[in-house]
């Protein structure tokens, strides 16, 4: 908590923090981040990796998913 209070837990430049949610028992949380630079996500994860296990899960918006499926789905 000391590091979070000192730094604000903000991601590096090039990564936008869209939202953050923390469980009531402070045992877990979820950050919604946006970037085109996966290396920046790795940088952010590394800053906290000595304190917690992190999982990075890339996601697509529905329109992006539909475009991908339109290109690759078997017809």
PDB file of N, CA and C in Angstrom:
ATOM      1  N   UNK A   1       0.830  -1.190   0.000  1.00  0.00           N
ATOM      2  CA  UNK A   1       0.000   0.000   0.000  1.00  0.00           C
ATOM      3  C   UNK A   1       0.874   1.254   0.000  1.00  0.00           C
ATOM      4  N   UNK A   2       2.025   1.153   0.670  1.00  0.00           N
ATOM      5  CA  UNK A   2       2.924   2.317   0.718  1.00  0.00           C
ATOM      6  C   UNK A   2       3.341   2.743  -0.689  1.00  0.00           C
ATOM      7  N   UNK A   3       3.719   1.763  -1.526  1.00  0.00           N
ATOM      8  CA  UNK A   3       4.134   2.097  -2.890  1.00  0.00           C
ATOM      9  C   UNK A   3       2.974   2.691  -3.678  1.00  0.00           C
ATOM     10  N   UNK A   4       1.795   2.117  -3.520  1.00  0.00           N
ATOM     11  CA  UNK A   4       0.630   2.635  -4.241  1.00  0.00           C
ATOM     12  C   UNK A   4       0.328   4.069  -3.813  1.00  0.00           C
ATOM     13  N   UNK A   5       0.363   4.331  -2.526  1.00  0.00           N
ATOM     14  CA  UNK A   5       0.078   5.676  -2.044  1.00  0.00           C
ATOM     15  C   UNK A   5       1.149   6.669  -2.497  1.00  0.00           C
ATOM     16  N   UNK A   6       2.382   6.195  -2.577  1.00  0.00           N
ATOM     17  CA  UNK A   6       3.484   7.074  -2.994  1.00  0.00           C
ATOM     18  C   UNK A   6       3.428   7.373  -4.493  1.00  0.00           C
ATOM     19  N   UNK A   7       3.088   6.363  -5.314  1.00  0.00           N
ATOM     20  CA  UNK A   7       3.141   6.522  -6.768  1.00  0.00           C
ATOM     21  C   UNK A   7       1.788   6.770  -7.412  1.00  0.00           C
ATOM     22  N   UNK A   8       0.726   6.444  -6.709  1.00  0.00           N
ATOM     23  CA  UNK A   8      -0.601   6.513  -7.304  1.00  0.00           C
ATOM     24  C   UNK A   8      -0.918   5.307  -8.160  1.00  0.00           C
ATOM     25  N   UNK A   9       0.052   4.400  -8.294  1.00  0.00           N
ATOM     26  CA  UNK A   9      -0.172   3.194  -9.088  1.00  0.00           C
ATOM     27  C   UNK A   9      -0.427   3.474 -10.547  1.00  0.00           C
ATOM     28  N   UNK A  10       0.082   4.587 -11.030  1.00  0.00           N
ATOM     29  CA  UNK A  10      -0.194   4.968 -12.419  1.00  0.00           C
ATOM     30  C   UNK A  10       0.699   4.216 -13.389  1.00  0.00           C
ATOM     31  N   UNK A  11       0.165   3.862 -14.555  1.00  0.00           N
ATOM     32  CA  UNK A  11       0.968   3.180 -15.571  1.00  0.00           C
ATOM     33  C   UNK A  11       1.937   4.160 -16.225  1.00  0.00           C
ATOM     34  N   UNK A  12       2.910   3.642 -16.976  1.00  0.00           N
ATOM     35  CA  UNK A  12       3.873   4.524 -17.643  1.00  0.00           C
ATOM     36  C   UNK A  12       3.222   5.318 -18.772  1.00  0.00           C
ATOM     37  N   UNK A  13       3.929   6.322 -19.218  1.00  0.00           N
ATOM     38  CA  UNK A  13       3.471   7.116 -20.362  1.00  0.00           C
ATOM     39  C   UNK A  13       3.250   6.185 -21.542  1.00  0.00           C
ATOM     40  N   UNK A  14       2.178   6.402 -22.254  1.00  0.00           N
ATOM     41  CA  UNK A  14       1.830   5.541 -23.381  1.00  0.00           C
ATOM     42  C   UNK A  14       0.782   4.501 -23.036  1.00  0.00           C
ATOM     43  N   UNK A  15       0.410   4.441 -21.748  1.00  0.00           N
ATOM     44  CA  UNK A  15      -0.647   3.535 -21.297  1.00  0.00           C
ATOM     45  C   UNK A  15      -1.690   4.377 -20.568  1.00  0.00           C
ATOM     46  N   UNK A  16      -2.916   4.299 -21.012  1.00  0.00           N
ATOM     47  CA  UNK A  16      -3.998   5.069 -20.386  1.00  0.00           C
ATOM     48  C   UNK A  16      -4.767   4.191 -19.411  1.00  0.00           C
ATOM     49  N   UNK A  17      -4.883   4.648 -18.179  1.00  0.00           N
ATOM     50  CA  UNK A  17      -5.685   3.965 -17.163  1.00  0.00           C
ATOM     51  C   UNK A  17      -7.138   4.399 -17.345  1.00  0.00           C
ATOM     52  N   UNK A  18      -7.997   3.458 -17.763  1.00  0.00           N
ATOM     53  CA  UNK A  18      -9.404   3.774 -18.003  1.00  0.00           C
ATOM     54  C   UNK A  18     -10.262   3.556 -16.765  1.00  0.00           C
ATOM     55  N   UNK A  19      -9.788   2.711 -15.852  1.00  0.00           N
ATOM     56  CA  UNK A  19     -10.533   2.452 -14.630  1.00  0.00           C
ATOM     57  C   UNK A  19      -9.779   1.481 -13.751  1.00  0.00           C
ATOM     58  N   UNK A  20     -10.103   1.504 -12.460  1.00  0.00           N
ATOM     59  CA  UNK A  20      -9.469   0.592 -11.507  1.00  0.00           C
ATOM     60  C   UNK A  20     -10.503   0.200 -10.474  1.00  0.00           C
ATOM     61  N   UNK A  21     -10.580  -1.102 -10.187  1.00  0.00           N
ATOM     62  CA  UNK A  21     -11.504  -1.613  -9.177  1.00  0.00           C
ATOM     63  C   UNK A  21     -10.724  -2.512  -8.240  1.00  0.00           C
ATOM     64  N   UNK A  22     -11.015  -2.430  -6.952  1.00  0.00           N
ATOM     65  CA  UNK A  22     -10.334  -3.226  -5.935  1.00  0.00           C
ATOM     66  C   UNK A  22     -11.378  -3.958  -5.111  1.00  0.00           C
ATOM     67  N   UNK A  23     -11.106  -5.223  -4.819  1.00  0.00           N
ATOM     68  CA  UNK A  23     -12.049  -5.985  -4.000  1.00  0.00           C
ATOM     69  C   UNK A  23     -12.092  -5.408  -2.583  1.00  0.00           C
ATOM     70  N   UNK A  24     -13.211  -5.596  -1.915  1.00  0.00           N
ATOM     71  CA  UNK A  24     -13.411  -5.016  -0.586  1.00  0.00           C
ATOM     72  C   UNK A  24     -12.388  -5.513   0.428  1.00  0.00           C
ATOM     73  N   UNK A  25     -11.877  -6.740   0.243  1.00  0.00           N
ATOM     74  CA  UNK A  25     -10.886  -7.257   1.194  1.00  0.00           C
ATOM     75  C   UNK A  25      -9.447  -6.900   0.800  1.00  0.00           C
ATOM     76  N   UNK A  26      -9.287  -6.105  -0.248  1.00  0.00           N
ATOM     77  CA  UNK A  26      -7.991  -5.650  -0.771  1.00  0.00           C
ATOM     78  C   UNK A  26      -7.123  -6.799  -1.281  1.00  0.00           C
ATOM     79  N   UNK A  27      -7.723  -7.964  -1.505  1.00  0.00           N
ATOM     80  CA  UNK A  27      -6.967  -9.130  -1.938  1.00  0.00           C
ATOM     81  C   UNK A  27      -6.788  -9.250  -3.434  1.00  0.00           C
ATOM     82  N   UNK A  28      -7.544  -8.479  -4.191  1.00  0.00           N
ATOM     83  CA  UNK A  28      -7.420  -8.537  -5.643  1.00  0.00           C
ATOM     84  C   UNK A  28      -7.960  -7.241  -6.240  1.00  0.00           C
ATOM     85  N   UNK A  29      -7.707  -7.086  -7.505  1.00  0.00           N
ATOM     86  CA  UNK A  29      -8.187  -5.890  -8.181  1.00  0.00           C
ATOM     87  C   UNK A  29      -8.134  -6.062  -9.687  1.00  0.00           C
ATOM     88  N   UNK A  30      -8.592  -5.042 -10.371  1.00  0.00           N
ATOM     89  CA  UNK A  30      -8.685  -5.077 -11.818  1.00  0.00           C
ATOM     90  C   UNK A  30      -8.419  -3.677 -12.335  1.00  0.00           C
ATOM     91  N   UNK A  31      -7.458  -3.551 -13.256  1.00  0.00           N
ATOM     92  CA  UNK A  31      -7.197  -2.294 -13.951  1.00  0.00           C
ATOM     93  C   UNK A  31      -7.620  -2.457 -15.395  1.00  0.00           C
ATOM     94  N   UNK A  32      -8.277  -1.466 -15.948  1.00  0.00           N
ATOM     95  CA  UNK A  32      -8.600  -1.433 -17.361  1.00  0.00           C
ATOM     96  C   UNK A  32      -7.651  -0.424 -17.998  1.00  0.00           C
ATOM     97  N   UNK A  33      -6.768  -0.922 -18.862  1.00  0.00           N
ATOM     98  CA  UNK A  33      -5.718  -0.100 -19.470  1.00  0.00           C
ATOM     99  C   UNK A  33      -5.867  -0.124 -20.978  1.00  0.00           C
ATOM    100  N   UNK A  34      -5.426   0.947 -21.620  1.00  0.00           N
ATOM    101  CA  UNK A  34      -5.464   1.001 -23.080  1.00  0.00           C
ATOM    102  C   UNK A  34      -4.104   1.441 -23.599  1.00  0.00           C
ATOM    103  N   UNK A  35      -3.587   0.677 -24.572  1.00  0.00           N
ATOM    104  CA  UNK A  35      -2.318   1.020 -25.203  1.00  0.00           C
ATOM    105  C   UNK A  35      -2.162   0.246 -26.495  1.00  0.00           C
ATOM    106  N   UNK A  36      -1.324   0.741 -27.366  1.00  0.00           N
ATOM    107  CA  UNK A  36      -0.935   0.014 -28.568  1.00  0.00           C
ATOM    108  C   UNK A  36       0.446  -0.596 -28.400  1.00  0.00           C
ATOM    109  N   UNK A  37       1.033  -0.451 -27.218  1.00  0.00           N
ATOM    110  CA  UNK A  37       2.412  -0.868 -26.965  1.00  0.00           C
ATOM    111  C   UNK A  37       2.462  -1.922 -25.861  1.00  0.00           C
ATOM    112  N   UNK A  38       2.515  -3.195 -26.254  1.00  0.00           N
ATOM    113  CA  UNK A  38       2.537  -4.281 -25.270  1.00  0.00           C
ATOM    114  C   UNK A  38       3.754  -4.199 -24.360  1.00  0.00           C
ATOM    115  N   UNK A  39       4.859  -3.649 -24.844  1.00  0.00           N
ATOM    116  CA  UNK A  39       6.056  -3.507 -24.010  1.00  0.00           C
ATOM    117  C   UNK A  39       5.785  -2.593 -22.816  1.00  0.00           C
ATOM    118  N   UNK A  40       4.943  -1.600 -23.005  1.00  0.00           N
ATOM    119  CA  UNK A  40       4.589  -0.701 -21.898  1.00  0.00           C
ATOM    120  C   UNK A  40       3.778  -1.436 -20.840  1.00  0.00           C
ATOM    121  N   UNK A  41       2.939  -2.386 -21.247  1.00  0.00           N
ATOM    122  CA  UNK A  41       2.204  -3.193 -20.283  1.00  0.00           C
ATOM    123  C   UNK A  41       3.171  -4.051 -19.473  1.00  0.00           C
ATOM    124  N   UNK A  42       4.184  -4.590 -20.151  1.00  0.00           N
ATOM    125  CA  UNK A  42       5.198  -5.377 -19.459  1.00  0.00           C
ATOM    126  C   UNK A  42       5.951  -4.512 -18.456  1.00  0.00           C
ATOM    127  N   UNK A  43       6.273  -3.297 -18.843  1.00  0.00           N
ATOM    128  CA  UNK A  43       6.948  -2.356 -17.937  1.00  0.00           C
ATOM    129  C   UNK A  43       6.099  -2.109 -16.686  1.00  0.00           C
ATOM    130  N   UNK A  44       4.818  -1.881 -16.881  1.00  0.00           N
ATOM    131  CA  UNK A  44       3.910  -1.631 -15.762  1.00  0.00           C
ATOM    132  C   UNK A  44       3.820  -2.858 -14.859  1.00  0.00           C
ATOM    133  N   UNK A  45       3.688  -4.033 -15.473  1.00  0.00           N
ATOM    134  CA  UNK A  45       3.611  -5.272 -14.687  1.00  0.00           C
ATOM    135  C   UNK A  45       4.887  -5.486 -13.886  1.00  0.00           C
ATOM    136  N   UNK A  46       6.019  -5.213 -14.485  1.00  0.00           N
ATOM    137  CA  UNK A  46       7.293  -5.417 -13.799  1.00  0.00           C
ATOM    138  C   UNK A  46       7.406  -4.532 -12.554  1.00  0.00           C
ATOM    139  N   UNK A  47       6.869  -3.326 -12.626  1.00  0.00           N
ATOM    140  CA  UNK A  47       6.930  -2.397 -11.492  1.00  0.00           C
ATOM    141  C   UNK A  47       6.240  -2.967 -10.253  1.00  0.00           C
ATOM    142  N   UNK A  48       5.320  -3.902 -10.449  1.00  0.00           N
ATOM    143  CA  UNK A  48       4.537  -4.458  -9.340  1.00  0.00           C
ATOM    144  C   UNK A  48       4.772  -5.945  -9.128  1.00  0.00           C
ATOM    145  N   UNK A  49       5.570  -6.568  -9.977  1.00  0.00           N
ATOM    146  CA  UNK A  49       5.712  -8.028  -9.949  1.00  0.00           C
ATOM    147  C   UNK A  49       6.377  -8.559  -8.680  1.00  0.00           C
ATOM    148  N   UNK A  50       7.073  -7.715  -7.936  1.00  0.00           N
ATOM    149  CA  UNK A  50       7.672  -8.184  -6.686  1.00  0.00           C
ATOM    150  C   UNK A  50       6.648  -8.251  -5.555  1.00  0.00           C
ATOM    151  N   UNK A  51       5.474  -7.673  -5.777  1.00  0.00           N
ATOM    152  CA  UNK A  51       4.449  -7.619  -4.728  1.00  0.00           C
ATOM    153  C   UNK A  51       3.226  -8.482  -5.016  1.00  0.00           C
ATOM    154  N   UNK A  52       2.974  -8.775  -6.292  1.00  0.00           N
ATOM    155  CA  UNK A  52       1.751  -9.498  -6.629  1.00  0.00           C
ATOM    156  C   UNK A  52       1.901 -10.205  -7.961  1.00  0.00           C
ATOM    157  N   UNK A  53       1.054 -11.180  -8.163  1.00  0.00           N
ATOM    158  CA  UNK A  53       0.981 -11.867  -9.438  1.00  0.00           C
ATOM    159  C   UNK A  53      -0.010 -11.127 -10.326  1.00  0.00           C
ATOM    160  N   UNK A  54       0.405 -10.838 -11.545  1.00  0.00           N
ATOM    161  CA  UNK A  54      -0.434 -10.086 -12.469  1.00  0.00           C
ATOM    162  C   UNK A  54      -0.783 -10.944 -13.678  1.00  0.00           C
ATOM    163  N   UNK A  55      -1.956 -10.733 -14.210  1.00  0.00           N
ATOM    164  CA  UNK A  55      -2.388 -11.392 -15.433  1.00  0.00           C
ATOM    165  C   UNK A  55      -2.797 -10.303 -16.417  1.00  0.00           C
ATOM    166  N   UNK A  56      -2.192 -10.309 -17.592  1.00  0.00           N
ATOM    167  CA  UNK A  56      -2.526  -9.341 -18.635  1.00  0.00           C
ATOM    168  C   UNK A  56      -3.373 -10.073 -19.672  1.00  0.00           C
ATOM    169  N   UNK A  57      -4.549  -9.525 -19.936  1.00  0.00           N
ATOM    170  CA  UNK A  57      -5.493 -10.164 -20.840  1.00  0.00           C
ATOM    171  C   UNK A  57      -5.902  -9.166 -21.928  1.00  0.00           C
ATOM    172  N   UNK A  58      -5.291  -9.256 -23.125  1.00  0.00           N
ATOM    173  CA  UNK A  58      -5.711  -8.378 -24.222  1.00  0.00           C
ATOM    174  C   UNK A  58      -7.156  -8.681 -24.614  1.00  0.00           C
ATOM    175  N   UNK A  59      -7.890  -7.659 -24.948  1.00  0.00           N
ATOM    176  CA  UNK A  59      -9.282  -7.822 -25.360  1.00  0.00           C
ATOM    177  C   UNK A  59      -9.555  -6.985 -26.606  1.00  0.00           C
ATOM    178  N   UNK A  60     -10.627  -7.327 -27.299  1.00  0.00           N
ATOM    179  CA  UNK A  60     -11.090  -6.592 -28.474  1.00  0.00           C
ATOM    180  C   UNK A  60     -12.491  -6.065 -28.220  1.00  0.00           C
ATOM    181  N   UNK A  61     -12.786  -4.914 -28.789  1.00  0.00           N
ATOM    182  CA  UNK A  61     -14.160  -4.434 -28.791  1.00  0.00           C
ATOM    183  C   UNK A  61     -14.940  -5.280 -29.788  1.00  0.00           C
ATOM    184  N   UNK A  62     -16.242  -5.315 -29.645  1.00  0.00           N
ATOM    185  CA  UNK A  62     -17.077  -6.164 -30.496  1.00  0.00           C
ATOM    186  C   UNK A  62     -16.865  -5.892 -31.982  1.00  0.00           C
ATOM    187  N   UNK A  63     -16.748  -4.632 -32.381  1.00  0.00           N
ATOM    188  CA  UNK A  63     -16.565  -4.299 -33.797  1.00  0.00           C
ATOM    189  C   UNK A  63     -15.240  -4.852 -34.315  1.00  0.00           C
ATOM    190  N   UNK A  64     -14.184  -4.781 -33.503  1.00  0.00           N
ATOM    191  CA  UNK A  64     -12.897  -5.331 -33.910  1.00  0.00           C
ATOM    192  C   UNK A  64     -12.982  -6.854 -34.043  1.00  0.00           C
ATOM    193  N   UNK A  65     -13.648  -7.491 -33.095  1.00  0.00           N
ATOM    194  CA  UNK A  65     -13.823  -8.934 -33.145  1.00  0.00           C
ATOM    195  C   UNK A  65     -14.603  -9.343 -34.392  1.00  0.00           C
ATOM    196  N   UNK A  66     -15.662  -8.612 -34.709  1.00  0.00           N
ATOM    197  CA  UNK A  66     -16.464  -8.928 -35.895  1.00  0.00           C
ATOM    198  C   UNK A  66     -15.606  -8.822 -37.162  1.00  0.00           C
ATOM    199  N   UNK A  67     -14.742  -7.833 -37.229  1.00  0.00           N
ATOM    200  CA  UNK A  67     -13.854  -7.677 -38.394  1.00  0.00           C
ATOM    201  C   UNK A  67     -12.908  -8.854 -38.517  1.00  0.00           C
ATOM    202  N   UNK A  68     -12.332  -9.284 -37.395  1.00  0.00           N
ATOM    203  CA  UNK A  68     -11.422 -10.433 -37.414  1.00  0.00           C
ATOM    204  C   UNK A  68     -12.174 -11.685 -37.836  1.00  0.00           C
ATOM    205  N   UNK A  69     -13.326 -11.926 -37.238  1.00  0.00           N
ATOM    206  CA  UNK A  69     -14.110 -13.101 -37.597  1.00  0.00           C
ATOM    207  C   UNK A  69     -14.525 -13.079 -39.059  1.00  0.00           C
ATOM    208  N   UNK A  70     -14.820 -11.899 -39.576  1.00  0.00           N
ATOM    209  CA  UNK A  70     -15.182 -11.787 -40.973  1.00  0.00           C
ATOM    210  C   UNK A  70     -14.036 -12.168 -41.907  1.00  0.00           C
ATOM    211  N   UNK A  71     -12.797 -11.947 -41.438  1.00  0.00           N
ATOM    212  CA  UNK A  71     -11.634 -12.302 -42.260  1.00  0.00           C
ATOM    213  C   UNK A  71     -11.247 -13.767 -42.136  1.00  0.00           C
ATOM    214  N   UNK A  72     -11.451 -14.357 -40.971  1.00  0.00           N
ATOM    215  CA  UNK A  72     -10.883 -15.686 -40.747  1.00  0.00           C
ATOM    216  C   UNK A  72     -11.910 -16.813 -40.595  1.00  0.00           C
ATOM    217  N   UNK A  73     -13.144 -16.469 -40.351  1.00  0.00           N
ATOM    218  CA  UNK A  73     -14.164 -17.515 -40.121  1.00  0.00           C
ATOM    219  C   UNK A  73     -14.376 -18.319 -41.398  1.00  0.00           C
ATOM    220  N   UNK A  74     -14.503 -19.625 -41.234  1.00  0.00           N
ATOM    221  CA  UNK A  74     -14.777 -20.498 -42.384  1.00  0.00           C
ATOM    222  C   UNK A  74     -16.223 -20.324 -42.785  1.00  0.00           C
ATOM    223  N   UNK A  75     -16.426 -20.193 -44.054  1.00  0.00           N
ATOM    224  CA  UNK A  75     -17.778 -19.941 -44.557  1.00  0.00           C
ATOM    225  C   UNK A  75     -18.375 -21.189 -45.126  1.00  0.00           C
TER     226      UNK A  75
END
